[in-house]
Amino acid sequence: MSQEQEVVTQMQALVDAITMLERAGIIDFNGHVSARVPGSDYVMINSGASVRSAMRLADIIMIDMDGKPVGGEVVPPMEFHIHTEIYRKRPDVNAVVHSHPLWSTVLSMAGQPVLPVIMQAAVLGEVKRFGKIASINKKILGEQLAAELGDARVVTLKNHGAVAVGANILEAFVLAVYLEETAQRQHLAMQAGSVTQLSEAEIAIISHNLWKPNLLQKVWDYHYAKLRRG
């Protein structure tokens, strides 16, 4: 596959990821997903004006690490700093999802951490928490968020949303899905009584078993099939 073909494939994957996350209620009209552009210092991301429920390939734009459009004038989301500052800090990260999920946001509003209460939560690792209530629309806020994320895979933003990162779009997508599934079940269980968490030993075993490309692909394929079914 040529570099140009790889870029187009990645752009289509972003379109699909955003569409599937929107259909699942994890991304709303303001969510965004990005990926590094192979062989460059650029980032591909959905434009600020893109309609998340009707994504097209043309909605994916390229920006530099300062958020300036590359090869066009369409501007990125104002929270592009979430993506660029994480990429600056984390060379292992090649894809970032910023979502506005219902259940994990509800927990953050109540000051409750997302806990490892289901098996899929084992692959999330420690879910970090960004305590400021703010739109991440300045470089300094992006830097602070990236610092809070550290080496983790997921961070929640108080009263705002969540960020999931991965080595590729597939990983970041699945982590965003697993975070919301975990938060929903945790919230429901809290209404019934105390919540039982996985032990560290259980997390280690389950994470090893579930963090495999074929099982991550299974999650993508499930949502993609629903998308194609209409």
Protein backbone atom coordinates (compact mmCIF):
# COMPACT_ATOMS: atom_id res chain seq x y z
CA MET A 1 0.00 0.00 0.00
CA SER A 2 1.38 3.41 -1.00
CA GLN A 3 1.61 6.24 1.52
CA GLU A 4 -1.24 8.04 -0.26
CA GLN A 5 -3.45 4.94 -0.08
CA GLU A 6 -2.59 4.51 3.59
CA VAL A 7 -3.64 8.09 4.31
CA VAL A 8 -6.98 7.62 2.54
CA THR A 9 -7.55 4.35 4.41
CA GLN A 10 -6.85 6.11 7.71
CA MET A 11 -9.21 8.94 6.81
CA GLN A 12 -12.00 6.48 6.05
CA ALA A 13 -11.32 4.73 9.36
CA LEU A 14 -11.78 8.07 11.13
CA VAL A 15 -15.08 8.63 9.33
CA ASP A 16 -16.27 5.18 10.35
CA ALA A 17 -15.06 5.53 13.94
CA ILE A 18 -16.79 8.88 14.43
CA THR A 19 -19.99 7.61 12.85
CA MET A 20 -20.05 4.46 14.97
CA LEU A 21 -19.31 6.39 18.17
CA GLU A 22 -22.08 8.85 17.34
CA ARG A 23 -24.57 6.04 16.71
CA ALA A 24 -23.56 4.49 20.03
CA GLY A 25 -24.20 7.76 21.85
CA ILE A 26 -20.56 8.19 22.82
CA ILE A 27 -19.81 11.14 20.53
CA ASP A 28 -22.28 13.97 20.06
CA PHE A 29 -22.24 17.05 17.83
CA ASN A 30 -18.90 18.17 19.26
CA GLY A 31 -16.80 14.99 19.49
CA HIS A 32 -13.65 14.44 17.50
CA VAL A 33 -11.23 11.67 16.58
CA SER A 34 -7.72 12.08 15.20
CA ALA A 35 -4.77 10.07 13.95
CA ARG A 36 -1.20 10.84 13.04
CA VAL A 37 -0.60 11.19 9.32
CA PRO A 38 1.86 8.42 8.36
CA GLY A 39 5.31 9.67 7.46
CA SER A 40 4.73 13.26 8.60
CA ASP A 41 4.32 15.55 11.60
CA TYR A 42 0.71 16.24 10.65
CA VAL A 43 -2.53 15.11 12.24
CA MET A 44 -5.78 14.14 10.51
CA ILE A 45 -8.96 15.07 12.36
CA ASN A 46 -12.60 15.82 11.62
CA SER A 47 -13.21 19.50 10.98
CA GLY A 48 -14.90 21.67 13.56
CA ALA A 49 -17.88 22.16 11.25
CA SER A 50 -18.35 18.47 10.41
CA VAL A 51 -21.74 16.95 11.17
CA ARG A 52 -20.91 13.99 13.35
CA SER A 53 -24.10 12.15 12.41
CA ALA A 54 -23.41 12.51 8.68
CA MET A 55 -19.66 12.17 8.29
CA ARG A 56 -17.98 12.24 4.89
CA LEU A 57 -14.41 11.70 3.79
CA ALA A 58 -14.24 15.41 2.93
CA ASP A 59 -14.82 16.21 6.61
CA ILE A 60 -11.39 14.86 7.53
CA ILE A 61 -8.73 17.56 7.36
CA MET A 62 -5.03 17.75 8.10
CA ILE A 63 -3.45 20.13 10.59
CA ASP A 64 0.05 20.73 11.87
CA MET A 65 0.94 20.43 15.53
CA ASP A 66 -0.10 24.03 16.09
CA GLY A 67 -3.57 23.40 14.68
CA LYS A 68 -3.02 25.19 11.38
CA PRO A 69 -4.81 23.61 8.39
CA VAL A 70 -2.56 21.89 5.86
CA GLY A 71 -3.52 22.24 2.20
CA GLY A 72 -6.78 24.05 2.88
CA GLU A 73 -8.60 26.59 4.99
CA VAL A 74 -11.13 24.43 6.87
CA VAL A 75 -10.44 24.78 10.58
CA PRO A 76 -10.22 21.98 13.15
CA PRO A 77 -12.30 21.69 16.33
CA MET A 78 -11.35 24.34 18.87
CA GLU A 79 -10.23 21.58 21.22
CA PHE A 80 -7.57 20.31 18.82
CA HIS A 81 -5.09 20.95 21.65
CA ILE A 82 -6.31 17.73 23.26
CA HIS A 83 -4.88 15.82 20.33
CA THR A 84 -1.72 17.75 19.51
CA GLU A 85 -0.49 17.99 23.09
CA ILE A 86 -1.03 14.29 23.70
CA TYR A 87 0.87 13.50 20.49
CA ARG A 88 3.72 15.75 21.61
CA LYS A 89 3.97 13.96 24.95
CA ARG A 90 3.21 10.40 23.83
CA PRO A 91 5.14 9.09 20.80
CA ASP A 92 3.44 5.72 21.36
CA VAL A 93 0.02 7.24 20.67
CA ASN A 94 -1.18 7.38 17.07
CA ALA A 95 -4.92 7.96 17.59
CA VAL A 96 -7.01 10.01 20.04
CA VAL A 97 -10.76 9.99 20.71
CA HIS A 98 -12.42 12.88 22.52
CA SER A 99 -16.00 11.97 23.33
CA HIS A 100 -18.92 13.32 25.35
CA PRO A 101 -20.32 10.06 26.74
CA LEU A 102 -23.33 10.10 29.03
CA TRP A 103 -22.48 7.64 31.80
CA SER A 104 -18.82 8.40 32.41
CA THR A 105 -19.63 12.12 32.39
CA VAL A 106 -22.41 11.56 34.93
CA LEU A 107 -19.93 9.79 37.21
CA SER A 108 -17.45 12.65 36.85
CA MET A 109 -20.18 15.15 37.75
CA ALA A 110 -20.76 13.20 40.96
CA GLY A 111 -17.05 13.02 41.72
CA GLN A 112 -17.03 9.26 41.21
CA PRO A 113 -14.12 7.48 39.51
CA VAL A 114 -14.76 4.89 36.80
CA LEU A 115 -13.93 1.56 38.42
CA PRO A 116 -12.96 -1.87 37.01
CA VAL A 117 -16.37 -3.48 37.50
CA ILE A 118 -16.65 -5.53 34.29
CA MET A 119 -14.11 -7.61 32.43
CA GLN A 120 -13.74 -5.15 29.56
CA ALA A 121 -12.66 -2.53 32.11
CA ALA A 122 -9.48 -4.51 32.71
CA VAL A 123 -7.95 -3.19 29.48
CA LEU A 124 -8.67 0.44 30.40
CA GLY A 125 -5.99 0.48 33.06
CA GLU A 126 -6.22 3.28 35.59
CA VAL A 127 -8.82 5.79 34.43
CA LYS A 128 -7.27 9.17 35.14
CA ARG A 129 -9.37 12.21 36.03
CA PHE A 130 -8.85 15.79 34.81
CA GLY A 131 -10.34 17.96 37.53
CA LYS A 132 -10.79 21.26 35.70
CA ILE A 133 -14.18 22.05 34.22
CA ALA A 134 -13.11 23.63 30.96
CA SER A 135 -13.16 23.44 27.21
CA ILE A 136 -9.63 22.41 26.25
CA ASN A 137 -9.28 25.29 23.80
CA LYS A 138 -5.86 26.58 24.83
CA LYS A 139 -2.41 25.04 24.54
CA ILE A 140 -1.80 25.26 28.28
CA LEU A 141 -4.99 23.30 28.99
CA GLY A 142 -3.98 20.69 26.43
CA GLU A 143 -0.60 20.39 28.12
CA GLN A 144 -2.25 19.98 31.52
CA LEU A 145 -4.60 17.32 30.19
CA ALA A 146 -1.74 15.42 28.55
CA ALA A 147 0.19 15.58 31.82
CA GLU A 148 -2.79 14.19 33.74
CA LEU A 149 -3.18 11.37 31.22
CA GLY A 150 0.49 10.52 31.62
CA ASP A 151 1.19 7.00 30.38
CA ALA A 152 -2.44 5.90 30.80
CA ARG A 153 -4.96 5.01 28.10
CA VAL A 154 -8.02 6.90 29.32
CA VAL A 155 -8.80 10.13 31.16
CA THR A 156 -12.17 11.60 32.06
CA LEU A 157 -12.81 15.36 31.99
CA LYS A 158 -14.93 16.59 34.88
CA ASN A 159 -18.48 17.50 33.82
CA HIS A 160 -17.30 17.36 30.21
CA GLY A 161 -16.35 14.08 28.60
CA ALA A 162 -13.49 11.66 28.10
CA VAL A 163 -10.32 11.00 26.10
CA ALA A 164 -9.04 7.62 24.98
CA VAL A 165 -5.73 7.04 23.21
CA GLY A 166 -4.24 4.12 21.34
CA ALA A 167 -1.49 2.93 19.07
CA ASN A 168 -4.06 3.06 16.27
CA ILE A 169 -7.65 4.08 15.57
CA LEU A 170 -8.96 0.63 16.46
CA GLU A 171 -7.47 0.72 19.96
CA ALA A 172 -8.67 4.24 20.74
CA PHE A 173 -12.16 3.39 19.44
CA VAL A 174 -12.49 0.25 21.54
CA LEU A 175 -11.23 1.99 24.68
CA ALA A 176 -13.84 4.74 24.22
CA VAL A 177 -16.53 2.06 23.89
CA TYR A 178 -15.30 0.06 26.89
CA LEU A 179 -15.11 3.16 29.07
CA GLU A 180 -18.75 4.01 28.48
CA GLU A 181 -19.92 0.40 28.90
CA THR A 182 -18.06 0.25 32.20
CA ALA A 183 -19.44 3.55 33.45
CA GLN A 184 -23.02 2.60 32.55
CA ARG A 185 -22.89 -0.70 34.38
CA GLN A 186 -21.14 0.85 37.35
CA HIS A 187 -23.77 3.57 37.64
CA LEU A 188 -26.61 1.04 37.47
CA ALA A 189 -24.96 -1.21 40.02
CA MET A 190 -24.47 1.72 42.39
CA GLN A 191 -28.24 2.16 42.48
CA ALA A 192 -28.64 -1.41 43.71
CA GLY A 193 -25.91 -1.39 46.36
CA SER A 194 -22.17 -1.60 46.76
CA VAL A 195 -20.08 -2.25 43.66
CA THR A 196 -17.68 -5.18 43.41
CA GLN A 197 -14.41 -4.36 41.66
CA LEU A 198 -12.03 -6.69 39.88
CA SER A 199 -8.93 -7.48 41.91
CA GLU A 200 -5.45 -6.56 40.66
CA ALA A 201 -4.79 -10.22 39.91
CA GLU A 202 -8.03 -10.50 37.94
CA ILE A 203 -7.26 -7.31 36.02
CA ALA A 204 -3.82 -8.62 35.05
CA ILE A 205 -5.17 -11.93 33.76
CA ILE A 206 -8.22 -10.49 32.00
CA SER A 207 -6.30 -7.63 30.41
CA HIS A 208 -3.75 -10.07 29.00
CA ASN A 209 -6.55 -12.18 27.55
CA LEU A 210 -8.65 -9.34 26.09
CA TRP A 211 -6.01 -6.89 24.78
CA LYS A 212 -5.52 -8.73 21.52
CA PRO A 213 -5.98 -7.35 17.98
CA ASN A 214 -8.56 -9.96 16.96
CA LEU A 215 -10.72 -9.24 20.01
CA LEU A 216 -10.47 -5.48 19.51
CA GLN A 217 -11.40 -5.99 15.87
CA LYS A 218 -14.45 -7.95 17.02
CA VAL A 219 -15.75 -4.82 18.79
CA TRP A 220 -15.17 -2.69 15.70
CA ASP A 221 -16.84 -5.28 13.45
CA TYR A 222 -19.88 -5.43 15.74
CA HIS A 223 -20.47 -1.68 15.54
CA TYR A 224 -19.56 -1.54 11.83
CA ALA A 225 -22.11 -4.21 10.98
CA LYS A 226 -24.79 -2.25 12.84
CA LEU A 227 -23.76 0.83 10.91
CA ARG A 228 -24.04 -0.90 7.55
CA ARG A 229 -27.36 -2.45 8.52
CA GLY A 230 -28.76 1.04 8.94
